[in-house]
Amino acid sequence: MLALMEFTEETEISTRRKECEALEAEVKRKNQTCQTLENELQDFLEEKNHLNLKLFSSSSHKASEYAKVRGKHVIY
């Protein structure tokens, strides 16, 4: 009877250990996925900032060119 109880406890411990290892592996995978998504988000935000700066520079240049042209063609 004692041997059966010890076997049952060992089996339960082994089962719990396997469950714990599986959960640790899942956490590791999810952390890797999270890190990948954070990297992709950072890349996206950097690209967005770059494009916004490019658009702003282009708009500012066009506005100053428009002001120059408009100033040359003012009708009195």
N, C-alpha and C. Protein backbone atom coordinates (compact mmCIF):
# COMPACT_ATOMS: atom_id res chain seq x y z
N MET A 1 0.83 -1.19 0.00
CA MET A 1 0.00 0.00 0.00
C MET A 1 0.88 1.26 0.00
N LEU A 2 1.91 1.27 0.82
CA LEU A 2 2.83 2.40 0.88
C LEU A 2 3.53 2.59 -0.45
N ALA A 3 3.91 1.51 -1.08
CA ALA A 3 4.58 1.58 -2.38
C ALA A 3 3.64 2.19 -3.42
N LEU A 4 2.36 1.83 -3.37
CA LEU A 4 1.38 2.37 -4.30
C LEU A 4 1.21 3.88 -4.10
N MET A 5 1.20 4.32 -2.84
CA MET A 5 1.07 5.74 -2.54
C MET A 5 2.30 6.50 -3.04
N GLU A 6 3.48 5.92 -2.84
CA GLU A 6 4.71 6.56 -3.31
C GLU A 6 4.71 6.64 -4.83
N PHE A 7 4.27 5.57 -5.49
CA PHE A 7 4.21 5.55 -6.95
C PHE A 7 3.25 6.62 -7.45
N THR A 8 2.09 6.74 -6.79
CA THR A 8 1.09 7.73 -7.17
C THR A 8 1.65 9.14 -7.00
N GLU A 9 2.34 9.38 -5.89
CA GLU A 9 2.93 10.70 -5.66
C GLU A 9 4.00 11.01 -6.71
N GLU A 10 4.83 10.02 -7.00
CA GLU A 10 5.88 10.22 -8.02
C GLU A 10 5.27 10.49 -9.39
N THR A 11 4.19 9.78 -9.70
CA THR A 11 3.50 9.99 -10.97
C THR A 11 2.92 11.40 -11.03
N GLU A 12 2.31 11.82 -9.93
CA GLU A 12 1.73 13.17 -9.89
C GLU A 12 2.82 14.23 -10.00
N ILE A 13 3.92 14.03 -9.31
CA ILE A 13 5.04 14.97 -9.39
C ILE A 13 5.57 15.03 -10.81
N SER A 14 5.72 13.88 -11.43
CA SER A 14 6.21 13.83 -12.81
C SER A 14 5.25 14.54 -13.75
N THR A 15 3.96 14.31 -13.56
CA THR A 15 2.94 14.95 -14.39
C THR A 15 2.99 16.47 -14.21
N ARG A 16 3.07 16.89 -12.96
CA ARG A 16 3.14 18.34 -12.69
C ARG A 16 4.41 18.96 -13.26
N ARG A 17 5.50 18.23 -13.18
CA ARG A 17 6.76 18.74 -13.73
C ARG A 17 6.64 18.93 -15.24
N LYS A 18 6.03 17.96 -15.91
CA LYS A 18 5.83 18.06 -17.37
C LYS A 18 4.91 19.23 -17.70
N GLU A 19 3.86 19.41 -16.91
CA GLU A 19 2.95 20.55 -17.13
C GLU A 19 3.70 21.87 -16.95
N CYS A 20 4.53 21.92 -15.92
CA CYS A 20 5.31 23.13 -15.66
C CYS A 20 6.27 23.40 -16.81
N GLU A 21 6.94 22.38 -17.30
CA GLU A 21 7.86 22.55 -18.43
C GLU A 21 7.13 23.02 -19.67
N ALA A 22 5.93 22.47 -19.89
CA ALA A 22 5.13 22.89 -21.05
C ALA A 22 4.72 24.35 -20.91
N LEU A 23 4.33 24.75 -19.71
CA LEU A 23 3.95 26.15 -19.48
C LEU A 23 5.15 27.08 -19.64
N GLU A 24 6.31 26.66 -19.16
CA GLU A 24 7.52 27.47 -19.33
C GLU A 24 7.85 27.64 -20.81
N ALA A 25 7.70 26.57 -21.59
CA ALA A 25 7.97 26.64 -23.03
C ALA A 25 6.97 27.59 -23.70
N GLU A 26 5.71 27.53 -23.28
CA GLU A 26 4.69 28.41 -23.84
C GLU A 26 4.99 29.87 -23.51
N VAL A 27 5.39 30.13 -22.27
CA VAL A 27 5.75 31.49 -21.87
C VAL A 27 6.92 31.98 -22.70
N LYS A 28 7.91 31.12 -22.92
CA LYS A 28 9.07 31.50 -23.72
C LYS A 28 8.65 31.85 -25.15
N ARG A 29 7.78 31.03 -25.74
CA ARG A 29 7.29 31.31 -27.10
C ARG A 29 6.53 32.64 -27.14
N LYS A 30 5.68 32.85 -26.16
CA LYS A 30 4.89 34.08 -26.14
C LYS A 30 5.78 35.30 -25.92
N ASN A 31 6.80 35.16 -25.10
CA ASN A 31 7.75 36.27 -24.91
C ASN A 31 8.49 36.59 -26.20
N GLN A 32 8.86 35.54 -26.95
CA GLN A 32 9.54 35.76 -28.23
C GLN A 32 8.60 36.45 -29.21
N THR A 33 7.34 36.01 -29.25
CA THR A 33 6.35 36.64 -30.12
C THR A 33 6.15 38.10 -29.73
N CYS A 34 6.06 38.35 -28.44
CA CYS A 34 5.89 39.72 -27.95
C CYS A 34 7.09 40.58 -28.35
N GLN A 35 8.29 40.05 -28.20
CA GLN A 35 9.49 40.80 -28.56
C GLN A 35 9.50 41.10 -30.06
N THR A 36 9.11 40.11 -30.86
CA THR A 36 9.04 40.31 -32.31
C THR A 36 8.04 41.42 -32.65
N LEU A 37 6.87 41.38 -32.02
CA LEU A 37 5.86 42.40 -32.28
C LEU A 37 6.33 43.78 -31.82
N GLU A 38 7.01 43.84 -30.69
CA GLU A 38 7.54 45.12 -30.22
C GLU A 38 8.57 45.67 -31.21
N ASN A 39 9.42 44.79 -31.74
CA ASN A 39 10.42 45.22 -32.73
C ASN A 39 9.75 45.72 -34.00
N GLU A 40 8.73 44.99 -34.46
CA GLU A 40 8.01 45.40 -35.66
C GLU A 40 7.30 46.74 -35.44
N LEU A 41 6.72 46.92 -34.26
CA LEU A 41 6.07 48.19 -33.94
C LEU A 41 7.08 49.32 -33.93
N GLN A 42 8.23 49.09 -33.33
CA GLN A 42 9.28 50.12 -33.29
C GLN A 42 9.72 50.48 -34.71
N ASP A 43 9.92 49.47 -35.55
CA ASP A 43 10.30 49.72 -36.95
C ASP A 43 9.22 50.54 -37.66
N PHE A 44 7.96 50.17 -37.44
CA PHE A 44 6.85 50.87 -38.06
C PHE A 44 6.81 52.34 -37.61
N LEU A 45 6.97 52.56 -36.30
CA LEU A 45 6.92 53.94 -35.79
C LEU A 45 8.09 54.77 -36.32
N GLU A 46 9.26 54.16 -36.44
CA GLU A 46 10.40 54.88 -37.01
C GLU A 46 10.14 55.24 -38.47
N GLU A 47 9.58 54.30 -39.22
CA GLU A 47 9.27 54.56 -40.63
C GLU A 47 8.19 55.65 -40.74
N LYS A 48 7.19 55.59 -39.87
CA LYS A 48 6.14 56.61 -39.86
C LYS A 48 6.73 57.98 -39.59
N ASN A 49 7.60 58.08 -38.59
CA ASN A 49 8.23 59.36 -38.28
C ASN A 49 9.06 59.86 -39.45
N HIS A 50 9.78 58.95 -40.10
CA HIS A 50 10.59 59.31 -41.26
C HIS A 50 9.70 59.86 -42.38
N LEU A 51 8.60 59.17 -42.66
CA LEU A 51 7.69 59.61 -43.72
C LEU A 51 7.02 60.94 -43.36
N ASN A 52 6.64 61.11 -42.10
CA ASN A 52 6.04 62.38 -41.67
C ASN A 52 7.02 63.53 -41.84
N LEU A 53 8.27 63.29 -41.47
CA LEU A 53 9.30 64.32 -41.63
C LEU A 53 9.51 64.65 -43.10
N LYS A 54 9.53 63.61 -43.93
CA LYS A 54 9.70 63.81 -45.37
C LYS A 54 8.52 64.60 -45.93
N LEU A 55 7.31 64.24 -45.52
CA LEU A 55 6.11 64.94 -45.98
C LEU A 55 6.12 66.39 -45.50
N PHE A 56 6.49 66.61 -44.25
CA PHE A 56 6.54 67.97 -43.71
C PHE A 56 7.56 68.80 -44.48
N SER A 57 8.73 68.22 -44.73
CA SER A 57 9.77 68.95 -45.47
C SER A 57 9.29 69.30 -46.86
N SER A 58 8.65 68.33 -47.51
CA SER A 58 8.13 68.55 -48.85
C SER A 58 7.04 69.63 -48.84
N SER A 59 6.15 69.56 -47.88
CA SER A 59 5.07 70.55 -47.77
C SER A 59 5.63 71.94 -47.49
N SER A 60 6.61 72.02 -46.61
CA SER A 60 7.21 73.32 -46.28
C SER A 60 7.89 73.91 -47.51
N HIS A 61 8.59 73.05 -48.25
CA HIS A 61 9.27 73.51 -49.47
C HIS A 61 8.24 74.01 -50.48
N LYS A 62 7.16 73.25 -50.68
CA LYS A 62 6.12 73.66 -51.63
C LYS A 62 5.45 74.95 -51.19
N ALA A 63 5.23 75.10 -49.89
CA ALA A 63 4.60 76.33 -49.40
C ALA A 63 5.49 77.54 -49.64
N SER A 64 6.79 77.38 -49.40
CA SER A 64 7.69 78.51 -49.63
C SER A 64 7.81 78.81 -51.11
N GLU A 65 7.81 77.80 -51.97
CA GLU A 65 7.85 78.02 -53.42
C GLU A 65 6.57 78.72 -53.88
N TYR A 66 5.43 78.30 -53.34
CA TYR A 66 4.15 78.92 -53.68
C TYR A 66 4.17 80.40 -53.29
N ALA A 67 4.69 80.69 -52.09
CA ALA A 67 4.75 82.08 -51.64
C ALA A 67 5.62 82.91 -52.56
N LYS A 68 6.73 82.35 -53.02
CA LYS A 68 7.61 83.08 -53.94
C LYS A 68 6.89 83.36 -55.26
N VAL A 69 6.26 82.34 -55.82
CA VAL A 69 5.56 82.49 -57.10
C VAL A 69 4.40 83.46 -56.95
N ARG A 70 3.66 83.33 -55.90
CA ARG A 70 2.51 84.20 -55.66
C ARG A 70 2.97 85.65 -55.53
N GLY A 71 4.09 85.85 -54.85
CA GLY A 71 4.63 87.20 -54.67
C GLY A 71 5.03 87.83 -55.99
N LYS A 72 5.46 87.02 -56.94
CA LYS A 72 5.89 87.54 -58.25
C LYS A 72 4.70 87.88 -59.13
N HIS A 73 3.56 87.26 -58.87
CA HIS A 73 2.40 87.44 -59.76
C HIS A 73 1.23 88.13 -59.07
N VAL A 74 1.52 89.00 -58.15
CA VAL A 74 0.45 89.73 -57.46
C VAL A 74 -0.13 90.76 -58.42
N ILE A 75 -1.45 90.76 -58.52
CA ILE A 75 -2.15 91.71 -59.39
C ILE A 75 -2.67 92.84 -58.52
N TYR A 76 -2.32 94.08 -58.89
CA TYR A 76 -2.75 95.26 -58.13
C TYR A 76 -3.88 95.94 -58.82
